[in-house]
C-alpha atoms as a PDB file:
ATOM      1  CA  MET A   1      -4.167   8.765  39.092  1.00  0.00           C
ATOM      2  CA  HIS A   2      -2.581   6.488  36.499  1.00  0.00           C
ATOM      3  CA  PRO A   3       0.726   7.476  34.842  1.00  0.00           C
ATOM      4  CA  LYS A   4       0.343   8.913  31.353  1.00  0.00           C
ATOM      5  CA  ASN A   5       2.138   7.932  28.165  1.00  0.00           C
ATOM      6  CA  LEU A   6       3.112  10.152  25.274  1.00  0.00           C
ATOM      7  CA  ASP A   7      -0.170   9.529  23.465  1.00  0.00           C
ATOM      8  CA  GLY A   8      -2.176  10.724  26.466  1.00  0.00           C
ATOM      9  CA  ALA A   9      -3.280   7.210  27.372  1.00  0.00           C
ATOM     10  CA  THR A  10      -2.649   5.700  30.786  1.00  0.00           C
ATOM     11  CA  ASP A  11      -0.305   2.743  31.165  1.00  0.00           C
ATOM     12  CA  GLU A  12      -3.344   0.684  32.159  1.00  0.00           C
ATOM     13  CA  THR A  13      -5.156   1.660  28.953  1.00  0.00           C
ATOM     14  CA  LEU A  14      -2.181   0.596  26.821  1.00  0.00           C
ATOM     15  CA  LEU A  15      -1.863  -2.714  28.665  1.00  0.00           C
ATOM     16  CA  LEU A  16      -5.556  -3.501  28.275  1.00  0.00           C
ATOM     17  CA  ALA A  17      -5.546  -2.536  24.602  1.00  0.00           C
ATOM     18  CA  GLU A  18      -2.616  -4.867  23.950  1.00  0.00           C
ATOM     19  CA  LEU A  19      -4.222  -7.657  25.976  1.00  0.00           C
ATOM     20  CA  LYS A  20      -7.474  -7.320  24.004  1.00  0.00           C
ATOM     21  CA  ARG A  21      -5.506  -7.568  20.753  1.00  0.00           C
ATOM     22  CA  LEU A  22      -3.917 -10.796  21.921  1.00  0.00           C
ATOM     23  CA  LEU A  23      -7.256 -12.231  23.046  1.00  0.00           C
ATOM     24  CA  LYS A  24      -8.822 -11.355  19.704  1.00  0.00           C
ATOM     25  CA  ASP A  25      -5.911 -12.762  17.690  1.00  0.00           C
ATOM     26  CA  ARG A  26      -6.099 -16.011  19.662  1.00  0.00           C
ATOM     27  CA  ASN A  27      -9.906 -16.202  19.409  1.00  0.00           C
ATOM     28  CA  ILE A  28     -10.361 -16.114  23.184  1.00  0.00           C
ATOM     29  CA  ARG A  29     -13.797 -14.772  24.082  1.00  0.00           C
ATOM     30  CA  TYR A  30     -14.893 -13.009  27.264  1.00  0.00           C
ATOM     31  CA  CYS A  31     -17.198 -15.942  28.042  1.00  0.00           C
ATOM     32  CA  ASP A  32     -14.185 -18.297  27.834  1.00  0.00           C
ATOM     33  CA  ILE A  33     -12.266 -16.160  30.331  1.00  0.00           C
ATOM     34  CA  ALA A  34     -15.292 -15.924  32.628  1.00  0.00           C
ATOM     35  CA  ALA A  35     -15.692 -19.715  32.635  1.00  0.00           C
ATOM     36  CA  GLN A  36     -12.041 -20.302  33.495  1.00  0.00           C
ATOM     37  CA  LEU A  37     -12.032 -17.707  36.276  1.00  0.00           C
ATOM     38  CA  ASN A  38     -15.481 -18.699  37.575  1.00  0.00           C
ATOM     39  CA  VAL A  39     -16.930 -15.187  37.328  1.00  0.00           C
ATOM     40  CA  SER A  40     -19.643 -13.657  35.165  1.00  0.00           C
ATOM     41  CA  GLU A  41     -18.984 -12.438  31.641  1.00  0.00           C
ATOM     42  CA  THR A  42     -20.247  -8.996  32.728  1.00  0.00           C
ATOM     43  CA  THR A  43     -17.552  -8.889  35.405  1.00  0.00           C
ATOM     44  CA  ILE A  44     -14.857  -9.678  32.843  1.00  0.00           C
ATOM     45  CA  LYS A  45     -16.117  -6.960  30.493  1.00  0.00           C
ATOM     46  CA  ARG A  46     -16.102  -4.435  33.336  1.00  0.00           C
ATOM     47  CA  LYS A  47     -12.636  -5.444  34.540  1.00  0.00           C
ATOM     48  CA  LEU A  48     -11.157  -5.221  31.052  1.00  0.00           C
ATOM     49  CA  THR A  49     -12.304  -1.619  30.753  1.00  0.00           C
ATOM     50  CA  GLY A  50     -10.229  -0.863  33.866  1.00  0.00           C
ATOM     51  CA  HIS A  51     -12.982  -0.831  36.516  1.00  0.00           C
ATOM     52  CA  GLY A  52     -11.657  -2.430  39.688  1.00  0.00           C
ATOM     53  CA  LEU A  53      -8.977  -4.333  37.792  1.00  0.00           C
ATOM     54  CA  SER A  54      -6.422  -5.811  40.179  1.00  0.00           C
ATOM     55  CA  VAL A  55      -2.930  -6.969  39.289  1.00  0.00           C
ATOM     56  CA  ALA A  56      -3.968 -10.513  40.240  1.00  0.00           C
ATOM     57  CA  MET A  57      -6.914 -10.425  37.820  1.00  0.00           C
ATOM     58  CA  LEU A  58      -4.734  -8.958  35.058  1.00  0.00           C
ATOM     59  CA  GLU A  59      -2.152 -11.693  35.574  1.00  0.00           C
ATOM     60  CA  SER A  60      -4.888 -14.341  35.459  1.00  0.00           C
ATOM     61  CA  VAL A  61      -6.217 -13.081  32.129  1.00  0.00           C
ATOM     62  CA  CYS A  62      -2.671 -12.817  30.787  1.00  0.00           C
ATOM     63  CA  ALA A  63      -2.121 -16.467  31.711  1.00  0.00           C
ATOM     64  CA  ILE A  64      -5.238 -17.433  29.734  1.00  0.00           C
ATOM     65  CA  ALA A  65      -3.885 -15.424  26.778  1.00  0.00           C
ATOM     66  CA  GLY A  66      -0.557 -17.219  27.132  1.00  0.00           C
ATOM     67  CA  VAL A  67       1.560 -14.179  27.931  1.00  0.00           C
ATOM     68  CA  ARG A  68       3.345 -12.945  31.056  1.00  0.00           C
ATOM     69  CA  LEU A  69       2.380  -9.537  32.411  1.00  0.00           C
ATOM     70  CA  ILE A  70       5.947  -8.259  31.988  1.00  0.00           C
ATOM     71  CA  ASP A  71       5.922  -9.364  28.336  1.00  0.00           C
ATOM     72  CA  LEU A  72       2.538  -7.720  27.799  1.00  0.00           C
ATOM     73  CA  ALA A  73       3.961  -4.436  29.126  1.00  0.00           C
ATOM     74  CA  GLU A  74       6.901  -4.691  26.729  1.00  0.00           C
ATOM     75  CA  LEU A  75       4.591  -5.379  23.764  1.00  0.00           C
ATOM     76  CA  ALA A  76       2.386  -2.417  24.687  1.00  0.00           C
ATOM     77  CA  ALA A  77       5.368  -0.053  25.078  1.00  0.00           C
ATOM     78  CA  ARG A  78       6.908  -1.187  21.796  1.00  0.00           C
ATOM     79  CA  ARG A  79       3.647  -0.724  19.904  1.00  0.00           C
ATOM     80  CA  SER A  80       3.095   2.755  21.391  1.00  0.00           C
ATOM     81  CA  ASP A  81       6.665   3.933  20.688  1.00  0.00           C
ATOM     82  CA  SER A  82       6.570   2.821  17.057  1.00  0.00           C
ATOM     83  CA  LYS A  83       3.336   4.604  16.194  1.00  0.00           C
ATOM     84  CA  ILE A  84       2.716   8.116  14.902  1.00  0.00           C
ATOM     85  CA  HIS A  85       2.011  10.571  17.720  1.00  0.00           C
ATOM     86  CA  ALA A  86       1.276  13.682  15.640  1.00  0.00           C
ATOM     87  CA  LEU A  87      -0.354  13.951  12.211  1.00  0.00           C
ATOM     88  CA  SER A  88       1.169  15.975   9.394  1.00  0.00           C
ATOM     89  CA  LEU A  89      -0.598  18.869   7.707  1.00  0.00           C
ATOM     90  CA  GLU A  90      -1.210  16.668   4.663  1.00  0.00           C
ATOM     91  CA  GLN A  91      -2.777  13.922   6.785  1.00  0.00           C
ATOM     92  CA  GLU A  92      -5.012  16.362   8.642  1.00  0.00           C
ATOM     93  CA  GLN A  93      -6.133  18.022   5.413  1.00  0.00           C
ATOM     94  CA  GLY A  94      -6.975  14.612   3.945  1.00  0.00           C
ATOM     95  CA  LEU A  95      -9.201  13.831   6.922  1.00  0.00           C
ATOM     96  CA  ALA A  96     -10.775  17.291   6.909  1.00  0.00           C
ATOM     97  CA  ASP A  97     -11.654  16.844   3.220  1.00  0.00           C
ATOM     98  CA  ALA A  98     -13.412  13.509   3.930  1.00  0.00           C
ATOM     99  CA  PRO A  99     -15.443  13.840   7.171  1.00  0.00           C
ATOM    100  CA  PHE A 100     -16.960  10.358   7.121  1.00  0.00           C
ATOM    101  CA  THR A 101     -13.547   8.800   6.507  1.00  0.00           C
ATOM    102  CA  ALA A 102     -12.272  10.828   9.472  1.00  0.00           C
ATOM    103  CA  PHE A 103     -15.101   9.422  11.606  1.00  0.00           C
ATOM    104  CA  ILE A 104     -14.252   5.876  10.514  1.00  0.00           C
ATOM    105  CA  PHE A 105     -10.636   6.594  11.519  1.00  0.00           C
ATOM    106  CA  LEU A 106     -11.943   7.607  14.957  1.00  0.00           C
ATOM    107  CA  LEU A 107     -13.927   4.372  15.312  1.00  0.00           C
ATOM    108  CA  LEU A 108     -10.924   2.277  14.276  1.00  0.00           C
ATOM    109  CA  ARG A 109      -8.862   4.005  16.981  1.00  0.00           C
ATOM    110  CA  TYR A 110     -11.606   3.046  19.441  1.00  0.00           C
ATOM    111  CA  ASP A 111     -11.231  -0.635  18.484  1.00  0.00           C
ATOM    112  CA  TRP A 112     -14.143  -0.961  16.060  1.00  0.00           C
ATOM    113  CA  THR A 113     -13.373  -3.445  13.306  1.00  0.00           C
ATOM    114  CA  PRO A 114     -13.975  -2.603   9.624  1.00  0.00           C
ATOM    115  CA  ARG A 115     -16.661  -5.327   9.585  1.00  0.00           C
ATOM    116  CA  GLU A 116     -18.488  -3.742  12.530  1.00  0.00           C
ATOM    117  CA  ILE A 117     -18.322  -0.309  10.862  1.00  0.00           C
ATOM    118  CA  GLN A 118     -19.566  -1.752   7.598  1.00  0.00           C
ATOM    119  CA  GLN A 119     -22.566  -3.361   9.314  1.00  0.00           C
ATOM    120  CA  GLU A 120     -23.347  -0.313  11.475  1.00  0.00           C
ATOM    121  CA  PHE A 121     -23.568   2.060   8.506  1.00  0.00           C
ATOM    122  CA  GLU A 122     -24.815  -0.488   5.936  1.00  0.00           C
ATOM    123  CA  LEU A 123     -21.810  -0.062   3.657  1.00  0.00           C
ATOM    124  CA  ASP A 124     -21.099  -2.494   0.840  1.00  0.00           C
ATOM    125  CA  GLU A 125     -17.621  -3.933   0.304  1.00  0.00           C
ATOM    126  CA  PRO A 126     -16.521  -1.244  -2.191  1.00  0.00           C
ATOM    127  CA  GLY A 127     -17.868   1.410   0.193  1.00  0.00           C
ATOM    128  CA  ILE A 128     -15.848   0.394   3.257  1.00  0.00           C
ATOM    129  CA  PHE A 129     -12.803  -0.349   1.090  1.00  0.00           C
ATOM    130  CA  LEU A 130     -12.920   3.198  -0.306  1.00  0.00           C
ATOM    131  CA  HIS A 131     -12.555   4.690   3.172  1.00  0.00           C
ATOM    132  CA  LEU A 132      -9.891   2.222   4.297  1.00  0.00           C
ATOM    133  CA  ARG A 133      -7.914   2.766   1.109  1.00  0.00           C
ATOM    134  CA  ARG A 134      -8.105   6.541   1.637  1.00  0.00           C
ATOM    135  CA  LEU A 135      -6.715   6.114   5.162  1.00  0.00           C
ATOM    136  CA  GLU A 136      -3.967   3.880   3.801  1.00  0.00           C
ATOM    137  CA  LYS A 137      -2.984   6.508   1.233  1.00  0.00           C
ATOM    138  CA  LEU A 138      -2.753   9.022   4.069  1.00  0.00           C
ATOM    139  CA  ARG A 139      -0.355   6.575   5.796  1.00  0.00           C
ATOM    140  CA  LEU A 140      -2.656   6.277   8.814  1.00  0.00           C
ATOM    141  CA  LEU A 141      -3.036   2.502   8.583  1.00  0.00           C
ATOM    142  CA  ASP A 142      -1.810  -0.595   6.801  1.00  0.00           C
ATOM    143  CA  LEU A 143      -4.519  -2.396   4.809  1.00  0.00           C
ATOM    144  CA  PHE A 144      -4.421  -6.173   4.371  1.00  0.00           C
ATOM    145  CA  PRO A 145      -6.587  -8.684   2.444  1.00  0.00           C
ATOM    146  CA  GLY A 146     -10.065  -9.116   3.885  1.00  0.00           C
ATOM    147  CA  ASN A 147     -10.110  -5.458   4.977  1.00  0.00           C
ATOM    148  CA  ARG A 148      -7.922  -6.233   7.971  1.00  0.00           C
ATOM    149  CA  VAL A 149      -6.108  -3.136   9.198  1.00  0.00           C
ATOM    150  CA  ARG A 150      -3.214  -2.144  11.441  1.00  0.00           C
ATOM    151  CA  LEU A 151      -3.305   1.412  12.719  1.00  0.00           C
ATOM    152  CA  LEU A 152      -0.112   3.425  12.383  1.00  0.00           C
ATOM    153  CA  THR A 153      -1.086   6.077  14.942  1.00  0.00           C
ATOM    154  CA  VAL A 154      -1.568   6.099  18.684  1.00  0.00           C
ATOM    155  CA  ARG A 155      -5.151   6.094  19.963  1.00  0.00           C
ATOM    156  CA  HIS A 156      -5.136   9.855  20.653  1.00  0.00           C
ATOM    157  CA  PRO A 157      -2.736  11.544  18.197  1.00  0.00           C
ATOM    158  CA  GLU A 158      -1.897  15.224  18.554  1.00  0.00           C
ATOM    159  CA  TRP A 159      -3.736  17.605  16.240  1.00  0.00           C
ATOM    160  CA  ILE A 160      -2.164  20.756  14.805  1.00  0.00           C
ATOM    161  CA  PRO A 161      -3.365  23.790  16.828  1.00  0.00           C
ATOM    162  CA  GLY A 162      -5.644  25.740  14.500  1.00  0.00           C
ATOM    163  CA  GLY A 163      -5.017  23.118  11.804  1.00  0.00           C
ATOM    164  CA  PRO A 164      -7.461  21.867   9.163  1.00  0.00           C
ATOM    165  CA  LEU A 165      -8.880  19.025  11.258  1.00  0.00           C
ATOM    166  CA  ARG A 166      -9.564  21.163  14.311  1.00  0.00           C
ATOM    167  CA  ARG A 167     -11.235  23.790  12.114  1.00  0.00           C
ATOM    168  CA  ALA A 168     -13.387  21.180  10.389  1.00  0.00           C
ATOM    169  CA  VAL A 169     -14.468  19.603  13.683  1.00  0.00           C
ATOM    170  CA  HIS A 170     -15.132  22.972  15.296  1.00  0.00           C
ATOM    171  CA  ASP A 171     -17.329  24.065  12.375  1.00  0.00           C
ATOM    172  CA  ALA A 172     -19.247  20.773  12.332  1.00  0.00           C
ATOM    173  CA  MET A 173     -19.789  20.736  16.108  1.00  0.00           C
ATOM    174  CA  ARG A 174     -20.877  24.369  16.161  1.00  0.00           C
ATOM    175  CA  ARG A 175     -23.537  23.677  13.535  1.00  0.00           C
ATOM    176  CA  HIS A 176     -24.585  20.466  15.252  1.00  0.00           C
ATOM    177  CA  PHE A 177     -25.060  21.934  18.722  1.00  0.00           C
ATOM    178  CA  GLU A 178     -26.538  25.211  17.503  1.00  0.00           C
ATOM    179  CA  ALA A 179     -29.356  23.126  16.026  1.00  0.00           C
ATOM    180  CA  MET A 180     -29.900  21.198  19.270  1.00  0.00           C
ATOM    181  CA  ASP A 181     -33.480  21.195  20.612  1.00  0.00           C
ATOM    182  CA  PHE A 182     -33.049  21.855  24.326  1.00  0.00           C
ATOM    183  CA  HIS A 183     -36.690  20.836  24.947  1.00  0.00           C
ATOM    184  CA  ASP A 184     -36.187  17.358  23.452  1.00  0.00           C
ATOM    185  CA  PRO A 185     -36.266  14.847  26.362  1.00  0.00           C
ATOM    186  CA  GLN A 186     -33.464  12.930  24.645  1.00  0.00           C
ATOM    187  CA  SER A 187     -31.215  16.003  24.764  1.00  0.00           C
ATOM    188  CA  LEU A 188     -29.026  15.969  27.862  1.00  0.00           C
ATOM    189  CA  TRP A 189     -27.701  19.235  29.226  1.00  0.00           C
ATOM    190  CA  GLN A 190     -26.840  20.975  32.454  1.00  0.00           C
ATOM    191  CA  LEU A 191     -26.058  24.651  33.075  1.00  0.00           C
ATOM    192  CA  GLU A 192     -24.061  26.073  35.995  1.00  0.00           C
ATOM    193  CA  THR A 193     -22.846  29.642  36.453  1.00  0.00           C
ATOM    194  CA  VAL A 194     -20.260  29.972  39.210  1.00  0.00           C
ATOM    195  CA  LYS A 195     -17.124  31.923  40.073  1.00  0.00           C
ATOM    196  CA  LEU A 196     -13.947  29.805  39.939  1.00  0.00           C
ATOM    197  CA  SER A 197     -10.212  30.194  40.554  1.00  0.00           C
ATOM    198  CA  ARG A 198      -7.482  29.149  38.117  1.00  0.00           C
ATOM    199  CA  GLY A 199      -6.841  26.073  40.241  1.00  0.00           C
ATOM    200  CA  SER A 200     -10.497  25.069  40.083  1.00  0.00           C
ATOM    201  CA  ILE A 201     -10.509  25.585  36.311  1.00  0.00           C
ATOM    202  CA  ASP A 202      -7.610  23.131  36.049  1.00  0.00           C
ATOM    203  CA  GLN A 203      -9.594  20.612  38.092  1.00  0.00           C
ATOM    204  CA  LEU A 204     -12.650  21.209  35.901  1.00  0.00           C
ATOM    205  CA  ARG A 205     -10.560  20.472  32.799  1.00  0.00           C
ATOM    206  CA  GLN A 206      -9.474  17.158  34.343  1.00  0.00           C
ATOM    207  CA  MET A 207     -13.074  16.334  35.249  1.00  0.00           C
ATOM    208  CA  MET A 208     -14.140  16.932  31.643  1.00  0.00           C
ATOM    209  CA  ALA A 209     -11.397  14.610  30.392  1.00  0.00           C
ATOM    210  CA  SER A 210     -12.476  11.965  32.913  1.00  0.00           C
ATOM    211  CA  LEU A 211     -16.114  12.311  31.857  1.00  0.00           C
ATOM    212  CA  SER A 212     -15.140  11.889  28.213  1.00  0.00           C
ATOM    213  CA  GLN A 213     -13.126   8.774  29.067  1.00  0.00           C
ATOM    214  CA  ARG A 214     -16.035   7.361  31.080  1.00  0.00           C
ATOM    215  CA  MET A 215     -18.396   7.967  28.145  1.00  0.00           C
ATOM    216  CA  ARG A 216     -16.070   5.959  25.891  1.00  0.00           C
ATOM    217  CA  GLU A 217     -15.993   3.158  28.469  1.00  0.00           C
ATOM    218  CA  LEU A 218     -19.806   3.092  28.603  1.00  0.00           C
ATOM    219  CA  ALA A 219     -19.871   2.881  24.809  1.00  0.00           C
ATOM    220  CA  THR A 220     -17.435  -0.039  24.916  1.00  0.00           C
ATOM    221  CA  ASP A 221     -19.660  -1.874  27.404  1.00  0.00           C
ATOM    222  CA  ASP A 222     -22.780  -1.187  25.332  1.00  0.00           C
ATOM    223  CA  ARG A 223     -21.332  -2.565  22.107  1.00  0.00           C
ATOM    224  CA  SER A 224     -22.296  -6.053  23.267  1.00  0.00           C
ATOM    225  CA  LEU A 225     -26.004  -5.107  23.400  1.00  0.00           C
ATOM    226  CA  PRO A 226     -28.375  -6.222  20.616  1.00  0.00           C
ATOM    227  CA  ASP A 227     -29.185  -3.893  17.719  1.00  0.00           C
ATOM    228  CA  GLY A 228     -31.852  -1.320  18.521  1.00  0.00           C
ATOM    229  CA  GLN A 229     -30.855  -0.827  22.158  1.00  0.00           C
ATOM    230  CA  THR A 230     -28.279   1.899  21.528  1.00  0.00           C
ATOM    231  CA  ASP A 231     -28.236   5.261  19.746  1.00  0.00           C
ATOM    232  CA  TRP A 232     -25.421   7.574  18.654  1.00  0.00           C
ATOM    233  CA  TYR A 233     -24.761  10.555  20.952  1.00  0.00           C
ATOM    234  CA  SER A 234     -22.315  13.453  20.776  1.00  0.00           C
ATOM    235  CA  MET A 235     -21.221  15.116  24.005  1.00  0.00           C
ATOM    236  CA  LEU A 236     -19.632  18.556  24.048  1.00  0.00           C
ATOM    237  CA  CYS A 237     -18.119  19.587  27.390  1.00  0.00           C
ATOM    238  CA  MET A 238     -17.380  23.281  27.545  1.00  0.00           C
ATOM    239  CA  ALA A 239     -17.044  26.214  29.899  1.00  0.00           C
ATOM    240  CA  ARG A 240     -16.516  29.862  29.021  1.00  0.00           C
ATOM    241  CA  LEU A 241     -15.998  33.189  30.730  1.00  0.00           C
ATOM    242  CA  THR A 242     -19.399  34.682  31.453  1.00  0.00           C
ATOM    243  CA  ASP A 243     -20.972  37.925  32.548  1.00  0.00           C
ATOM    244  CA  PRO A 244     -23.924  36.695  34.676  1.00  0.00           C
ATOM    245  CA  ARG A 245     -25.935  39.788  33.703  1.00  0.00           C
ATOM    246  CA  ILE A 246     -26.657  38.175  30.318  1.00  0.00           C
ATOM    247  CA  PHE A 247     -29.258  35.993  32.047  1.00  0.00           C
ATOM    248  CA  TRP A 248     -31.425  38.917  33.151  1.00  0.00           C
ATOM    249  CA  THR A 249     -30.834  41.395  30.366  1.00  0.00           C
ATOM    250  CA  THR A 250     -32.142  41.329  26.807  1.00  0.00           C
END
């Protein structure tokens, strides 16, 4: 298990995020790294999502980016410490009042660029600027010419328990999954009814978090695929106390 930081991210995640920023800023592509290290581009993509990444490989990529591993760690720690870890009530309410802007904020935290978001949702320049400007007014990012942004929050900020954003998301997800067609072959679901201890519930919670992280990693890998080969999916992992008799009573 990797050590966790205050934002809930692992040290490895923070290091890789900072390394990817440096590579992007210096216009170093995955294919360039692959050529220098004599491996496939697919291998580099997989390694830089944390799968089988060794210290030796990390140091090699750092050398290509022109930074020492120890300096990369310092940059990552400094960036994490200086960012907002918990949103204010005003910030949450602003996101809750503008659901699509809140979704764009999510994508930005997952390393989508404004240009990629604009192309994905066929937004014109005034359209994407409207959302970015709204996020800037909420003090969630800095906005620069050319719609370049710098996020002011950690990747996974803390939400107010029972706050406006949680309520908005809960209401939207309830409506979304209540309308789900369980007979649709593109709907993925699995049902288990078992008796578990408190310790097993804690393990189940960790497994759900790991599954969510793995889904994000798959999405990162798939972003390099051509248009038309991917679709948007929402996954809701949940478990609740159950009386098994509900399955044979009406």
